[in-house]
Amino acid sequence: MARVRVRQHVNPLSDKYQIPRTPPEWDKVYTHLQHPLHLDIGCGRGRFLLQMAQVQPDWNFLGLEIREPLVTEANQLRDELELKNLHYLFSNVNVDLPQLLQSLPSGVLQYVTIQFPDPWFKKRHAKRRTVQPELVKILAQALPEGGKILLQSDVEAVAIEMRDRFLNCAAFQRLHPEPWLTENPLPIATEREKATQAKGDPVYRSFLEKVK
């Protein structure tokens, strides 16, 4: 399959991304709908989830991505591998997530990853970043006690902001005493994580748990 070329940056606040999308019929998406669900927010080309779905067949995986061509490409790869525990959705997470999570069976969401989101470096663009206070509230309501969240970035300021927004919510606690988790707790690394570590640059990683 030819690699799809898309814009690197998409403004999630533009009008075209403000219309909520209707969730799919989940029983037609996953063969075993009651399996625990891993949600990857901002999944990009979806290669991380493509591998996760194969090494953890007893989990369902859902990737959300705002760049629609990448979603189309990812679902084509999923179909080629005939994976019945993986799905990708074209979605603006800060618009679609409440309705999306409400449409899923209660309690299935168990794991959330937000990995190397667009840093939007300019101060006036910070409101475009993925992890906003409202997103934290939504995930606090949707995750059951013991649910996990993994945050990763190669930009320290972004990693601090993400971590602190979750820790400022009483529903979450950090699962490691040190400021950053040294090793990835998951068996698969994203392409961005591999590239960052290959350059010898640090990955700022936080692992959190829903406590109440």
Protein backbone atom coordinates (compact mmCIF):
# COMPACT_ATOMS: atom_id res chain seq x y z
CA MET A 1 0.00 0.00 0.00
CA ALA A 2 1.31 3.45 -0.94
CA ARG A 3 1.96 5.72 2.04
CA VAL A 4 -0.67 8.46 2.27
CA ARG A 5 0.68 12.02 2.39
CA VAL A 6 -1.28 14.36 4.67
CA ARG A 7 -0.79 17.65 6.42
CA GLN A 8 1.20 17.33 9.63
CA HIS A 9 -0.84 19.94 11.51
CA VAL A 10 -4.64 20.12 11.63
CA ASN A 11 -6.38 22.85 13.62
CA PRO A 12 -8.98 21.02 15.76
CA LEU A 13 -10.78 24.31 16.46
CA SER A 14 -11.66 25.00 12.83
CA ASP A 15 -15.34 24.86 11.94
CA LYS A 16 -15.05 21.71 9.83
CA TYR A 17 -14.11 19.67 12.90
CA GLN A 18 -16.83 20.96 15.25
CA ILE A 19 -19.66 18.71 14.09
CA PRO A 20 -19.96 15.65 16.36
CA ARG A 21 -19.82 12.34 14.55
CA THR A 22 -22.29 9.55 15.16
CA PRO A 23 -20.63 6.56 16.87
CA PRO A 24 -20.59 3.28 14.94
CA GLU A 25 -22.66 0.24 15.84
CA TRP A 26 -20.09 -1.36 18.10
CA ASP A 27 -21.48 -4.88 17.87
CA LYS A 28 -20.69 -4.72 14.14
CA VAL A 29 -17.17 -3.43 14.82
CA TYR A 30 -15.84 -5.86 17.44
CA THR A 31 -16.37 -9.61 17.51
CA HIS A 32 -16.17 -9.64 21.32
CA LEU A 33 -17.64 -6.32 22.41
CA GLN A 34 -17.27 -7.03 26.13
CA HIS A 35 -13.48 -7.42 25.96
CA PRO A 36 -11.54 -4.62 27.70
CA LEU A 37 -10.94 -1.61 25.46
CA HIS A 38 -7.69 0.28 24.89
CA LEU A 39 -8.29 3.78 23.49
CA ASP A 40 -5.41 5.51 21.68
CA ILE A 41 -6.10 9.24 21.24
CA GLY A 42 -4.31 10.78 18.26
CA CYS A 43 -3.28 7.45 16.78
CA GLY A 44 -1.69 8.88 13.61
CA ARG A 45 -1.08 6.12 11.09
CA GLY A 46 -2.18 3.53 13.61
CA ARG A 47 0.84 1.25 13.43
CA PHE A 48 1.12 1.08 17.24
CA LEU A 49 -2.42 -0.25 17.59
CA LEU A 50 -1.99 -2.54 14.60
CA GLN A 51 0.75 -4.36 16.51
CA MET A 52 -0.99 -4.16 19.89
CA ALA A 53 -4.11 -5.80 18.48
CA GLN A 54 -2.02 -8.77 17.35
CA VAL A 55 -0.04 -9.27 20.58
CA GLN A 56 -3.11 -8.76 22.82
CA PRO A 57 -5.98 -10.52 21.01
CA ASP A 58 -8.09 -10.60 24.19
CA TRP A 59 -8.36 -6.78 24.14
CA ASN A 60 -10.23 -4.46 21.78
CA PHE A 61 -8.40 -1.41 20.42
CA LEU A 62 -9.78 1.89 19.20
CA GLY A 63 -7.71 4.62 17.58
CA LEU A 64 -8.99 8.19 17.19
CA GLU A 65 -7.35 10.46 14.61
CA ILE A 66 -8.35 13.86 13.20
CA ARG A 67 -6.64 13.35 9.82
CA GLU A 68 -9.18 11.32 7.88
CA PRO A 69 -6.85 9.92 5.17
CA LEU A 70 -4.75 8.27 7.87
CA VAL A 71 -7.87 6.62 9.32
CA THR A 72 -8.85 5.25 5.93
CA GLU A 73 -5.35 3.87 5.39
CA ALA A 74 -5.21 2.33 8.86
CA ASN A 75 -8.57 0.58 8.49
CA GLN A 76 -7.44 -0.84 5.14
CA LEU A 77 -4.38 -2.34 6.81
CA ARG A 78 -6.56 -3.73 9.59
CA ASP A 79 -8.83 -5.38 6.99
CA GLU A 80 -5.86 -6.89 5.17
CA LEU A 81 -4.81 -8.55 8.44
CA GLU A 82 -8.43 -9.52 9.23
CA LEU A 83 -8.21 -8.11 12.75
CA LYS A 84 -11.60 -8.15 14.49
CA ASN A 85 -10.44 -6.44 17.68
CA LEU A 86 -9.25 -3.16 16.10
CA HIS A 87 -10.97 -0.09 14.71
CA TYR A 88 -9.94 3.43 13.73
CA LEU A 89 -12.25 6.45 13.73
CA PHE A 90 -11.93 9.86 12.12
CA SER A 91 -12.60 12.04 15.13
CA ASN A 92 -11.94 15.33 16.87
CA VAL A 93 -11.57 13.92 20.36
CA ASN A 94 -12.51 17.13 22.17
CA VAL A 95 -15.81 17.21 20.28
CA ASP A 96 -16.71 13.55 19.84
CA LEU A 97 -15.47 11.78 22.95
CA PRO A 98 -18.45 12.22 25.32
CA GLN A 99 -20.97 10.71 22.89
CA LEU A 100 -18.47 8.11 21.76
CA LEU A 101 -17.81 6.80 25.26
CA GLN A 102 -21.48 6.87 26.20
CA SER A 103 -22.23 4.60 23.25
CA LEU A 104 -19.84 1.89 24.46
CA PRO A 105 -20.83 -0.80 26.97
CA SER A 106 -20.30 0.35 30.54
CA GLY A 107 -16.93 -0.57 32.03
CA VAL A 108 -15.16 -1.78 28.88
CA LEU A 109 -12.80 1.20 28.66
CA GLN A 110 -9.72 0.15 30.68
CA TYR A 111 -6.69 1.82 29.10
CA VAL A 112 -6.03 5.18 27.42
CA THR A 113 -2.86 6.27 25.64
CA ILE A 114 -2.02 9.80 24.48
CA GLN A 115 1.36 9.63 22.80
CA PHE A 116 3.42 12.42 21.27
CA PRO A 117 0.50 14.77 20.52
CA ASP A 118 1.04 17.86 18.38
CA PRO A 119 2.83 20.27 20.76
CA TRP A 120 1.43 23.49 19.24
CA PHE A 121 4.43 25.47 20.48
CA LYS A 122 3.04 28.99 20.08
CA LYS A 123 1.30 30.26 23.20
CA ARG A 124 -1.75 31.42 21.25
CA HIS A 125 -2.13 27.88 19.87
CA ALA A 126 -2.00 26.08 23.25
CA LYS A 127 -5.78 25.75 23.29
CA ARG A 128 -5.41 23.43 20.27
CA ARG A 129 -3.51 20.84 22.31
CA THR A 130 -5.18 17.49 22.84
CA VAL A 131 -5.18 17.34 26.64
CA GLN A 132 -7.56 20.05 27.80
CA PRO A 133 -9.22 20.12 31.26
CA GLU A 134 -12.54 18.99 29.76
CA LEU A 135 -10.89 15.90 28.27
CA VAL A 136 -9.54 14.98 31.71
CA LYS A 137 -13.04 15.27 33.20
CA ILE A 138 -14.53 13.08 30.48
CA LEU A 139 -11.95 10.35 31.01
CA ALA A 140 -12.35 10.57 34.79
CA GLN A 141 -16.05 9.80 34.33
CA ALA A 142 -15.55 7.06 31.75
CA LEU A 143 -12.67 5.05 33.23
CA PRO A 144 -13.49 2.59 36.01
CA GLU A 145 -11.40 2.40 39.16
CA GLY A 146 -8.07 0.85 38.24
CA GLY A 147 -8.19 2.10 34.66
CA LYS A 148 -4.84 3.23 33.29
CA ILE A 149 -3.60 6.24 31.32
CA LEU A 150 -0.20 6.44 29.64
CA LEU A 151 1.03 9.88 28.53
CA GLN A 152 4.14 10.34 26.39
CA SER A 153 5.87 13.28 24.70
CA ASP A 154 9.32 14.26 23.53
CA VAL A 155 8.54 17.88 24.46
CA GLU A 156 8.99 18.39 28.19
CA ALA A 157 6.65 21.39 28.50
CA VAL A 158 3.84 19.47 26.81
CA ALA A 159 4.48 16.40 28.95
CA ILE A 160 4.36 18.51 32.13
CA GLU A 161 1.12 20.16 31.06
CA MET A 162 -0.54 16.82 30.26
CA ARG A 163 0.64 15.19 33.47
CA ASP A 164 -0.35 18.09 35.69
CA ARG A 165 -3.81 18.39 34.15
CA PHE A 166 -4.51 14.78 35.04
CA LEU A 167 -2.94 15.00 38.49
CA ASN A 168 -4.94 18.14 39.25
CA CYS A 169 -8.00 15.90 39.00
CA ALA A 170 -8.59 13.96 42.22
CA ALA A 171 -9.66 10.91 40.20
CA PHE A 172 -6.10 10.14 39.08
CA GLN A 173 -2.81 9.28 40.75
CA ARG A 174 0.66 8.63 39.37
CA LEU A 175 1.90 5.04 39.51
CA HIS A 176 5.60 5.88 39.87
CA PRO A 177 7.44 7.97 42.48
CA GLU A 178 9.88 9.57 40.06
CA PRO A 179 8.73 12.53 37.92
CA TRP A 180 8.92 10.47 34.71
CA LEU A 181 8.54 6.77 34.07
CA THR A 182 11.76 5.33 32.67
CA GLU A 183 10.40 2.34 30.74
CA ASN A 184 7.32 2.00 28.60
CA PRO A 185 4.88 -0.37 30.39
CA LEU A 186 3.44 -1.53 27.06
CA PRO A 187 4.96 -4.23 24.82
CA ILE A 188 4.88 -2.02 21.70
CA ALA A 189 6.45 1.42 21.11
CA THR A 190 5.15 3.99 18.65
CA GLU A 191 7.19 4.97 15.61
CA ARG A 192 7.78 8.38 17.19
CA GLU A 193 9.03 6.85 20.43
CA LYS A 194 11.47 4.62 18.54
CA ALA A 195 12.77 7.56 16.49
CA THR A 196 13.17 9.76 19.58
CA GLN A 197 15.12 7.13 21.48
CA ALA A 198 17.24 6.31 18.44
CA LYS A 199 18.42 9.93 18.46
CA GLY A 200 19.26 9.65 22.14
CA ASP A 201 16.58 12.16 23.10
CA PRO A 202 14.45 11.71 26.24
CA VAL A 203 10.85 10.54 26.32
CA TYR A 204 8.80 12.17 29.07
CA ARG A 205 6.38 9.51 30.22
CA SER A 206 3.68 9.43 32.91
CA PHE A 207 1.64 6.39 33.95
CA LEU A 208 -1.58 7.13 35.82
CA GLU A 209 -4.38 5.18 37.45
CA LYS A 210 -8.03 6.02 38.07
CA VAL A 211 -8.49 5.77 41.83
CA LYS A 212 -12.04 6.97 42.49
